[in-house]
């Protein structure tokens, strides 16, 4: 069963139960709200702009084209970003953000604690004092609209397709033909007359992190080798892949003269141990900060990963990637980059099960991921090698 809500394909990427709750709350609130919504466009030149993105790293990466477009349109304005704590680590030197405020958004990091809620409240109070001319929801989320209302921005721009109409002042019509998350979120800027053709990511690569990578390669004795990063982690267990299949990929890469490196994120230690136990070759493991991972991806020939932030980081530093998609459709979430190659099974009509009312696959293994065989990924690796004209042991990147 294909999941669509209110005939908008874009909403297939949303948790359907939460959508229904959001719509119900929205209908109740609208009974008590009679505020007129501006729909003629926003032609003012705001001096202070706030972009709100309260979700995970991949979602924050998708906000980068929006930030770039706003900075080009309003170069004299102060552009602020409100995001989760990790934003300061890898966006601190970005030219398209003037100031970053962070808080541990409970729904973003899935940790509803008193401390996190208090920190979020404190940040809201600080931002109220900033008196923003314009705030923009970069996620299309009912909760972001509510945050912008609490912050007290003069104009609050966003779509109401997920609810939250009561908290917005400027509500364009959503372009219903759009399905991709980045394109849907970015399209709200058309209301401001902003060009949105540039959908590329862009991340500053920290020079200290580059030096760290050089030291790491030297210590491991792998300078000058053709490195492939293998990242086995994902934000939800439904996106994970069998460890023995990752091991088969790693052994194949060794046979082709590549140097595979296993990149571990937070919580990936057990999965990495299991992958190593299946490998015929010893594999170098890397576990470090986000800044260092981004710099490491920059020097890689290829990244092989699941549907995770790793694919977005690879795109941001112009490194090709092979990405395995299961519960989420690549047409919805894949970076808009021809160097990012999706591997997925098209014969699954139950997606996106993570966000729908469909019961989970039996035995704790998602069939859409389990159907992807190691040979399919190896085939994509071979296509990549042939397209780049790589010989065994040859160096791809200058």
Protein backbone atom coordinates (compact mmCIF):
# COMPACT_ATOMS: atom_id res chain seq x y z
CA UNK A 1 0.00 0.00 0.00
CA UNK A 2 1.40 3.37 -0.99
CA UNK A 3 1.02 5.95 1.74
CA UNK A 4 -0.19 9.38 0.71
CA UNK A 5 -1.95 11.89 2.91
CA UNK A 6 -4.38 14.46 1.51
CA UNK A 7 -3.09 13.69 -1.97
CA UNK A 8 0.33 15.30 -1.36
CA UNK A 9 3.15 12.85 -2.23
CA UNK A 10 5.61 14.99 -0.23
CA UNK A 11 3.89 13.89 2.98
CA UNK A 12 4.86 10.27 2.43
CA UNK A 13 8.10 11.13 4.25
CA UNK A 14 6.21 12.12 7.41
CA UNK A 15 5.02 10.06 10.35
CA UNK A 16 1.36 9.60 9.47
CA UNK A 17 0.15 9.25 13.05
CA UNK A 18 1.82 12.52 14.04
CA UNK A 19 0.35 14.21 10.97
CA UNK A 20 -3.17 13.25 12.02
CA UNK A 21 -2.54 14.58 15.54
CA UNK A 22 -1.13 17.79 14.07
CA UNK A 23 -4.15 18.30 11.83
CA UNK A 24 -6.50 17.70 14.74
CA UNK A 25 -4.71 20.24 16.95
CA UNK A 26 -4.65 22.68 14.05
CA UNK A 27 -8.41 22.45 13.53
CA UNK A 28 -9.03 23.04 17.23
CA UNK A 29 -6.73 26.07 17.35
CA UNK A 30 -8.25 27.62 14.23
CA UNK A 31 -11.60 27.82 16.01
CA UNK A 32 -10.05 30.41 18.33
CA UNK A 33 -7.88 32.17 15.73
CA UNK A 34 -9.10 34.77 13.28
CA UNK A 35 -5.77 36.26 12.19
CA UNK A 36 -5.64 37.06 8.48
CA UNK A 37 -2.86 35.32 6.57
CA UNK A 38 -0.76 37.31 4.13
CA UNK A 39 -0.50 35.54 0.76
CA UNK A 40 0.69 38.30 -1.56
CA UNK A 41 4.39 37.75 -0.94
CA UNK A 42 6.95 39.41 1.28
CA UNK A 43 8.67 42.34 -0.44
CA UNK A 44 10.23 43.88 2.63
CA UNK A 45 13.98 43.80 3.27
CA UNK A 46 14.31 42.12 6.67
CA UNK A 47 17.28 43.07 8.83
CA UNK A 48 17.15 40.02 11.07
CA UNK A 49 16.22 36.60 9.72
CA UNK A 50 15.87 33.36 11.66
CA UNK A 51 15.86 29.90 10.03
CA UNK A 52 14.53 27.09 12.22
CA UNK A 53 15.66 23.48 11.61
CA UNK A 54 15.07 21.34 14.67
CA UNK A 55 15.74 17.85 13.31
CA UNK A 56 18.66 15.52 12.55
CA UNK A 57 21.93 16.15 10.71
CA UNK A 58 20.60 15.10 7.30
CA UNK A 59 17.72 17.56 7.68
CA UNK A 60 20.14 20.32 8.68
CA UNK A 61 22.21 19.58 5.58
CA UNK A 62 19.07 20.03 3.47
CA UNK A 63 18.70 23.52 4.99
CA UNK A 64 22.07 24.65 3.57
CA UNK A 65 20.71 25.60 0.11
CA UNK A 66 18.05 27.69 1.88
CA UNK A 67 20.65 29.50 3.97
CA UNK A 68 22.81 30.16 0.91
CA UNK A 69 19.87 31.54 -1.07
CA UNK A 70 18.79 33.83 1.78
CA UNK A 71 22.31 35.18 2.27
CA UNK A 72 22.57 35.99 -1.44
CA UNK A 73 19.15 37.69 -1.46
CA UNK A 74 19.71 39.69 1.74
CA UNK A 75 23.51 40.18 2.06
CA UNK A 76 23.09 43.05 4.52
CA UNK A 77 20.74 41.14 6.82
CA UNK A 78 21.86 39.22 9.90
CA UNK A 79 21.05 35.56 9.25
CA UNK A 80 20.53 33.39 12.32
CA UNK A 81 20.09 29.62 12.53
CA UNK A 82 18.28 27.75 15.29
CA UNK A 83 19.19 24.07 15.23
CA UNK A 84 20.31 21.10 17.31
CA UNK A 85 23.64 21.19 19.17
CA UNK A 86 25.65 19.53 16.39
CA UNK A 87 25.09 22.54 14.08
CA UNK A 88 27.78 24.64 15.76
CA UNK A 89 30.40 21.98 15.17
CA UNK A 90 30.33 21.81 11.39
CA UNK A 91 28.67 25.12 10.37
CA UNK A 92 30.65 27.49 12.59
CA UNK A 93 32.81 28.78 9.70
CA UNK A 94 30.08 28.81 7.04
CA UNK A 95 29.77 32.07 5.09
CA UNK A 96 25.98 31.74 4.84
CA UNK A 97 25.26 31.93 8.61
CA UNK A 98 26.02 34.89 10.85
CA UNK A 99 25.04 33.39 14.17
CA UNK A 100 23.99 29.91 15.32
CA UNK A 101 21.77 29.23 18.31
CA UNK A 102 21.43 25.63 19.42
CA UNK A 103 19.24 23.61 21.73
CA UNK A 104 18.62 19.88 22.22
CA UNK A 105 15.22 19.68 20.49
CA UNK A 106 13.56 16.67 22.16
CA UNK A 107 11.70 15.55 19.01
CA UNK A 108 14.86 15.88 16.94
CA UNK A 109 17.22 13.88 19.14
CA UNK A 110 14.40 11.79 20.65
CA UNK A 111 15.34 12.65 24.24
CA UNK A 112 12.54 14.25 26.25
CA UNK A 113 14.26 15.23 29.48
CA UNK A 114 13.64 18.13 31.84
CA UNK A 115 17.15 19.47 31.13
CA UNK A 116 16.59 19.47 27.36
CA UNK A 117 13.20 21.16 27.70
CA UNK A 118 14.68 23.81 30.02
CA UNK A 119 17.53 24.53 27.61
CA UNK A 120 15.07 24.89 24.75
CA UNK A 121 12.94 27.29 26.81
CA UNK A 122 16.03 29.35 27.69
CA UNK A 123 17.03 29.67 24.02
CA UNK A 124 13.49 30.75 23.08
CA UNK A 125 13.64 33.50 25.70
CA UNK A 126 16.99 34.73 24.35
CA UNK A 127 15.71 34.75 20.79
CA UNK A 128 12.61 36.71 21.77
CA UNK A 129 14.91 39.56 22.74
CA UNK A 130 16.48 39.54 19.25
CA UNK A 131 13.18 40.75 17.68
CA UNK A 132 13.38 39.03 14.30
CA UNK A 133 11.78 40.62 11.26
CA UNK A 134 11.34 37.25 9.56
CA UNK A 135 11.47 33.60 10.68
CA UNK A 136 11.31 30.65 8.28
CA UNK A 137 10.47 27.02 8.95
CA UNK A 138 13.15 24.95 7.16
CA UNK A 139 11.56 21.58 8.02
CA UNK A 140 7.81 22.03 7.35
CA UNK A 141 6.91 21.01 10.87
CA UNK A 142 4.03 22.02 13.15
CA UNK A 143 6.45 22.34 16.08
CA UNK A 144 8.76 24.71 14.20
CA UNK A 145 5.81 26.98 13.44
CA UNK A 146 4.96 27.00 17.15
CA UNK A 147 8.59 27.82 18.03
CA UNK A 148 8.61 30.79 15.64
CA UNK A 149 5.39 32.00 17.29
CA UNK A 150 6.92 31.71 20.77
CA UNK A 151 10.06 33.53 19.60
CA UNK A 152 7.83 36.38 18.48
CA UNK A 153 9.16 36.97 14.96
CA UNK A 154 7.25 39.74 13.19
CA UNK A 155 6.63 37.56 10.12
CA UNK A 156 6.60 33.78 10.27
CA UNK A 157 6.87 32.03 6.92
CA UNK A 158 6.07 28.38 6.33
CA UNK A 159 3.72 25.84 4.80
CA UNK A 160 0.63 24.63 6.66
CA UNK A 161 0.39 21.21 4.98
CA UNK A 162 1.33 19.57 8.30
CA UNK A 163 -0.72 21.93 10.47
CA UNK A 164 0.48 24.99 12.37
CA UNK A 165 -1.53 27.53 10.36
CA UNK A 166 -2.46 29.43 13.52
CA UNK A 167 1.20 30.20 14.28
CA UNK A 168 2.19 31.47 10.81
CA UNK A 169 1.67 34.89 9.26
CA UNK A 170 2.75 34.06 5.69
CA UNK A 171 1.52 30.82 4.11
CA UNK A 172 2.21 30.12 0.43
CA UNK A 173 0.45 27.33 -1.43
CA UNK A 174 2.56 24.18 -1.43
CA UNK A 175 3.60 23.01 -4.92
CA UNK A 176 1.90 19.61 -4.90
CA UNK A 177 4.02 18.07 -7.64
CA UNK A 178 7.13 18.15 -5.42
CA UNK A 179 8.08 14.95 -3.57
CA UNK A 180 11.75 15.51 -2.59
CA UNK A 181 12.29 16.83 0.93
CA UNK A 182 14.96 19.37 -0.01
CA UNK A 183 13.00 20.75 -2.97
CA UNK A 184 9.78 20.99 -0.96
CA UNK A 185 11.38 22.84 1.93
CA UNK A 186 13.43 25.13 -0.31
CA UNK A 187 10.41 26.05 -2.44
CA UNK A 188 9.00 28.25 0.34
CA UNK A 189 11.62 30.88 -0.64
CA UNK A 190 9.84 31.47 -3.94
CA UNK A 191 7.29 33.37 -1.88
CA UNK A 192 10.07 35.89 -1.24
CA UNK A 193 11.02 36.06 -4.91
CA UNK A 194 14.27 34.18 -4.25
CA UNK A 195 16.01 32.06 -6.87
CA UNK A 196 16.17 28.43 -5.69
CA UNK A 197 17.99 26.77 -8.59
CA UNK A 198 21.13 26.14 -6.53
CA UNK A 199 20.39 22.99 -4.54
CA UNK A 200 24.00 22.07 -3.79
CA UNK A 201 25.38 21.50 -0.33
CA UNK A 202 28.42 23.42 0.80
CA UNK A 203 30.42 22.84 3.96
CA UNK A 204 33.56 24.58 5.18
CA UNK A 205 36.30 22.01 5.74
CA UNK A 206 38.25 22.89 8.85
CA UNK A 207 42.03 23.21 8.32
CA UNK A 208 42.78 21.72 11.72
CA UNK A 209 40.58 18.75 10.77
CA UNK A 210 42.52 18.36 7.52
CA UNK A 211 45.74 18.19 9.53
CA UNK A 212 44.15 15.61 11.81
CA UNK A 213 43.33 13.47 8.76
CA UNK A 214 46.91 13.76 7.49
CA UNK A 215 48.20 12.58 10.87
CA UNK A 216 45.69 9.73 10.97
CA UNK A 217 46.70 8.48 7.51
CA UNK A 218 50.39 8.73 8.42
CA UNK A 219 49.95 6.84 11.69
CA UNK A 220 48.06 4.07 9.90
CA UNK A 221 50.60 3.96 7.06
CA UNK A 222 47.99 4.51 4.35
CA UNK A 223 49.00 7.87 2.81
CA UNK A 224 48.50 8.02 -0.93
CA UNK A 225 46.20 4.99 -1.02
CA UNK A 226 42.85 4.88 -2.74
CA UNK A 227 40.57 5.13 0.29
CA UNK A 228 36.92 4.10 0.48
CA UNK A 229 34.92 5.09 3.56
CA UNK A 230 32.41 2.51 4.82
CA UNK A 231 29.80 3.98 7.16
CA UNK A 232 27.36 1.33 8.52
CA UNK A 233 25.27 3.54 10.82
CA UNK A 234 21.82 5.10 10.48
CA UNK A 235 19.40 7.07 12.64
CA UNK A 236 16.86 4.24 12.96
CA UNK A 237 17.37 0.45 13.06
CA UNK A 238 15.03 -0.07 10.10
CA UNK A 239 17.70 1.39 7.80
CA UNK A 240 20.50 -0.95 8.90
CA UNK A 241 22.08 -3.65 6.72
CA UNK A 242 23.52 -7.08 7.54
CA UNK A 243 27.09 -6.95 8.88
CA UNK A 244 28.27 -9.93 6.79
CA UNK A 245 27.28 -8.07 3.63
CA UNK A 246 29.31 -5.03 4.66
CA UNK A 247 32.19 -7.44 5.28
CA UNK A 248 31.80 -8.89 1.78
CA UNK A 249 32.01 -5.35 0.34
CA UNK A 250 35.13 -4.61 2.38
CA UNK A 251 36.88 -7.81 1.27
CA UNK A 252 35.96 -7.09 -2.36
CA UNK A 253 37.45 -3.59 -2.11
CA UNK A 254 40.69 -5.02 -0.74
CA UNK A 255 40.83 -7.36 -3.71
CA UNK A 256 40.44 -4.40 -6.06
CA UNK A 257 43.37 -2.54 -4.53
CA UNK A 258 41.36 -0.06 -2.47
CA UNK A 259 41.91 0.76 1.19
CA UNK A 260 38.53 0.54 2.98
CA UNK A 261 38.15 2.42 6.26
CA UNK A 262 35.26 1.66 8.64
CA UNK A 263 33.80 4.96 9.88
CA UNK A 264 31.91 4.69 13.17
CA UNK A 265 29.33 7.14 14.41
CA UNK A 266 27.94 7.35 17.95
CA UNK A 267 26.45 3.99 18.90
CA UNK A 268 28.03 2.11 15.95
CA UNK A 269 30.64 0.25 18.00
CA UNK A 270 28.77 -3.07 18.26
CA UNK A 271 27.88 -3.04 14.55
CA UNK A 272 31.50 -2.25 13.62
CA UNK A 273 32.76 -5.10 15.84
CA UNK A 274 30.40 -7.51 14.12
CA UNK A 275 31.44 -6.35 10.65
CA UNK A 276 35.11 -6.82 11.54
CA UNK A 277 34.41 -10.32 12.83
CA UNK A 278 33.16 -11.30 9.35
CA UNK A 279 36.02 -9.68 7.41
CA UNK A 280 38.83 -11.79 5.97
CA UNK A 281 41.14 -8.76 6.12
CA UNK A 282 42.04 -6.47 8.98
CA UNK A 283 40.31 -3.13 8.54
CA UNK A 284 41.25 0.29 9.85
CA UNK A 285 38.52 1.87 11.98
CA UNK A 286 37.88 5.59 12.40
CA UNK A 287 35.84 7.14 15.19
CA UNK A 288 36.20 10.87 15.62
CA UNK A 289 34.41 14.23 15.55
CA UNK A 290 32.04 15.39 12.81
CA UNK A 291 34.59 17.97 11.65
CA UNK A 292 37.23 15.28 11.21
CA UNK A 293 34.82 12.93 9.43
CA UNK A 294 33.95 15.66 6.92
CA UNK A 295 37.64 16.32 6.26
CA UNK A 296 38.21 12.57 5.94
CA UNK A 297 35.42 12.19 3.39
CA UNK A 298 37.05 14.96 1.38
CA UNK A 299 40.13 12.80 0.68
CA UNK A 300 38.20 9.57 -0.02
CA UNK A 301 37.73 8.11 -3.50
CA UNK A 302 34.28 6.81 -2.56
CA UNK A 303 31.87 6.60 0.36
CA UNK A 304 29.60 3.58 0.85
CA UNK A 305 26.85 4.16 3.40
CA UNK A 306 23.22 3.79 4.35
CA UNK A 307 20.51 6.45 4.14
CA UNK A 308 22.16 8.73 6.69
CA UNK A 309 24.01 12.01 7.16
CA UNK A 310 27.09 10.38 5.61
CA UNK A 311 25.56 10.64 2.12
CA UNK A 312 24.97 14.36 2.62
CA UNK A 313 28.50 14.94 3.92
CA UNK A 314 29.95 13.13 0.89
CA UNK A 315 27.94 15.33 -1.46
CA UNK A 316 29.01 18.47 0.41
CA UNK A 317 32.71 17.71 -0.18
CA UNK A 318 32.20 16.45 -3.77
CA UNK A 319 33.02 12.82 -3.00
CA UNK A 320 31.03 10.15 -4.88
CA UNK A 321 28.89 7.86 -2.74
CA UNK A 322 26.94 4.62 -3.07
CA UNK A 323 23.95 4.81 -0.73
CA UNK A 324 21.62 1.99 0.31
CA UNK A 325 17.96 3.00 0.67
CA UNK A 326 15.29 0.88 2.36
CA UNK A 327 12.37 2.35 4.35
CA UNK A 328 12.81 5.76 2.72
CA UNK A 329 12.55 6.34 -1.02
CA UNK A 330 15.64 7.84 -2.70
CA UNK A 331 13.34 10.11 -4.73
CA UNK A 332 12.43 11.74 -1.42
CA UNK A 333 15.71 11.91 0.49
CA UNK A 334 18.75 11.37 -1.76
CA UNK A 335 21.10 14.36 -2.13
CA UNK A 336 20.43 16.10 -5.43
CA UNK A 337 23.81 15.16 -6.84
CA UNK A 338 24.64 12.90 -9.80
CA UNK A 339 27.67 11.60 -7.86
CA UNK A 340 25.37 10.05 -5.26
CA UNK A 341 24.27 6.62 -6.50
CA UNK A 342 21.22 4.98 -4.92
CA UNK A 343 20.91 1.22 -4.41
CA UNK A 344 17.38 0.12 -3.57
CA UNK A 345 14.69 -2.41 -4.40
CA UNK A 346 11.93 -0.96 -6.53
CA UNK A 347 9.61 -3.94 -5.96
CA UNK A 348 8.56 -2.81 -2.46
CA UNK A 349 5.25 -0.95 -2.31
CA UNK A 350 5.04 -0.66 1.51
CA UNK A 351 7.38 2.28 1.89
CA UNK A 352 7.92 4.42 3.84
CA UNK A 353 7.00 1.97 6.62
CA UNK A 354 8.94 3.82 9.33
CA UNK A 355 6.47 6.70 9.17
CA UNK A 356 3.20 4.97 8.30
CA UNK A 357 0.52 2.87 9.98
CA UNK A 358 1.88 -0.28 8.32
CA UNK A 359 3.07 -2.96 10.73
CA UNK A 360 6.81 -3.44 10.89
CA UNK A 361 8.46 -6.36 9.06
CA UNK A 362 8.64 -9.62 10.99
CA UNK A 363 11.73 -10.86 12.83
CA UNK A 364 13.05 -7.32 13.29
CA UNK A 365 14.59 -7.21 9.80
CA UNK A 366 13.25 -4.80 7.23
CA UNK A 367 12.63 -6.70 4.02
CA UNK A 368 13.44 -3.67 1.85
CA UNK A 369 16.99 -3.60 3.26
CA UNK A 370 17.37 -7.36 3.51
CA UNK A 371 16.59 -7.79 -0.18
CA UNK A 372 19.64 -5.70 -1.12
CA UNK A 373 22.44 -8.16 -1.76
CA UNK A 374 26.17 -7.51 -1.57
CA UNK A 375 26.47 -8.34 -5.28
CA UNK A 376 24.22 -5.38 -6.14
CA UNK A 377 26.53 -2.99 -4.31
CA UNK A 378 29.61 -4.64 -5.84
CA UNK A 379 28.05 -4.11 -9.28
CA UNK A 380 27.77 -0.39 -8.54
CA UNK A 381 31.38 -0.33 -7.34
CA UNK A 382 32.47 -1.92 -10.63
CA UNK A 383 30.47 0.66 -12.59
CA UNK A 384 32.13 3.40 -10.57
CA UNK A 385 35.62 1.98 -11.19
CA UNK A 386 34.94 1.68 -14.92
CA UNK A 387 33.45 5.18 -15.18
CA UNK A 388 36.47 6.71 -13.42
CA UNK A 389 38.99 4.59 -15.32
CA UNK A 390 40.60 3.26 -12.14
CA UNK A 391 43.13 0.46 -12.28
CA UNK A 392 43.72 -1.84 -9.33
CA UNK A 393 45.69 0.09 -6.72
CA UNK A 394 45.51 3.27 -8.80
CA UNK A 395 45.00 6.71 -7.28
CA UNK A 396 41.68 8.34 -8.11
CA UNK A 397 41.84 11.70 -6.39
CA UNK A 398 44.62 14.22 -6.74
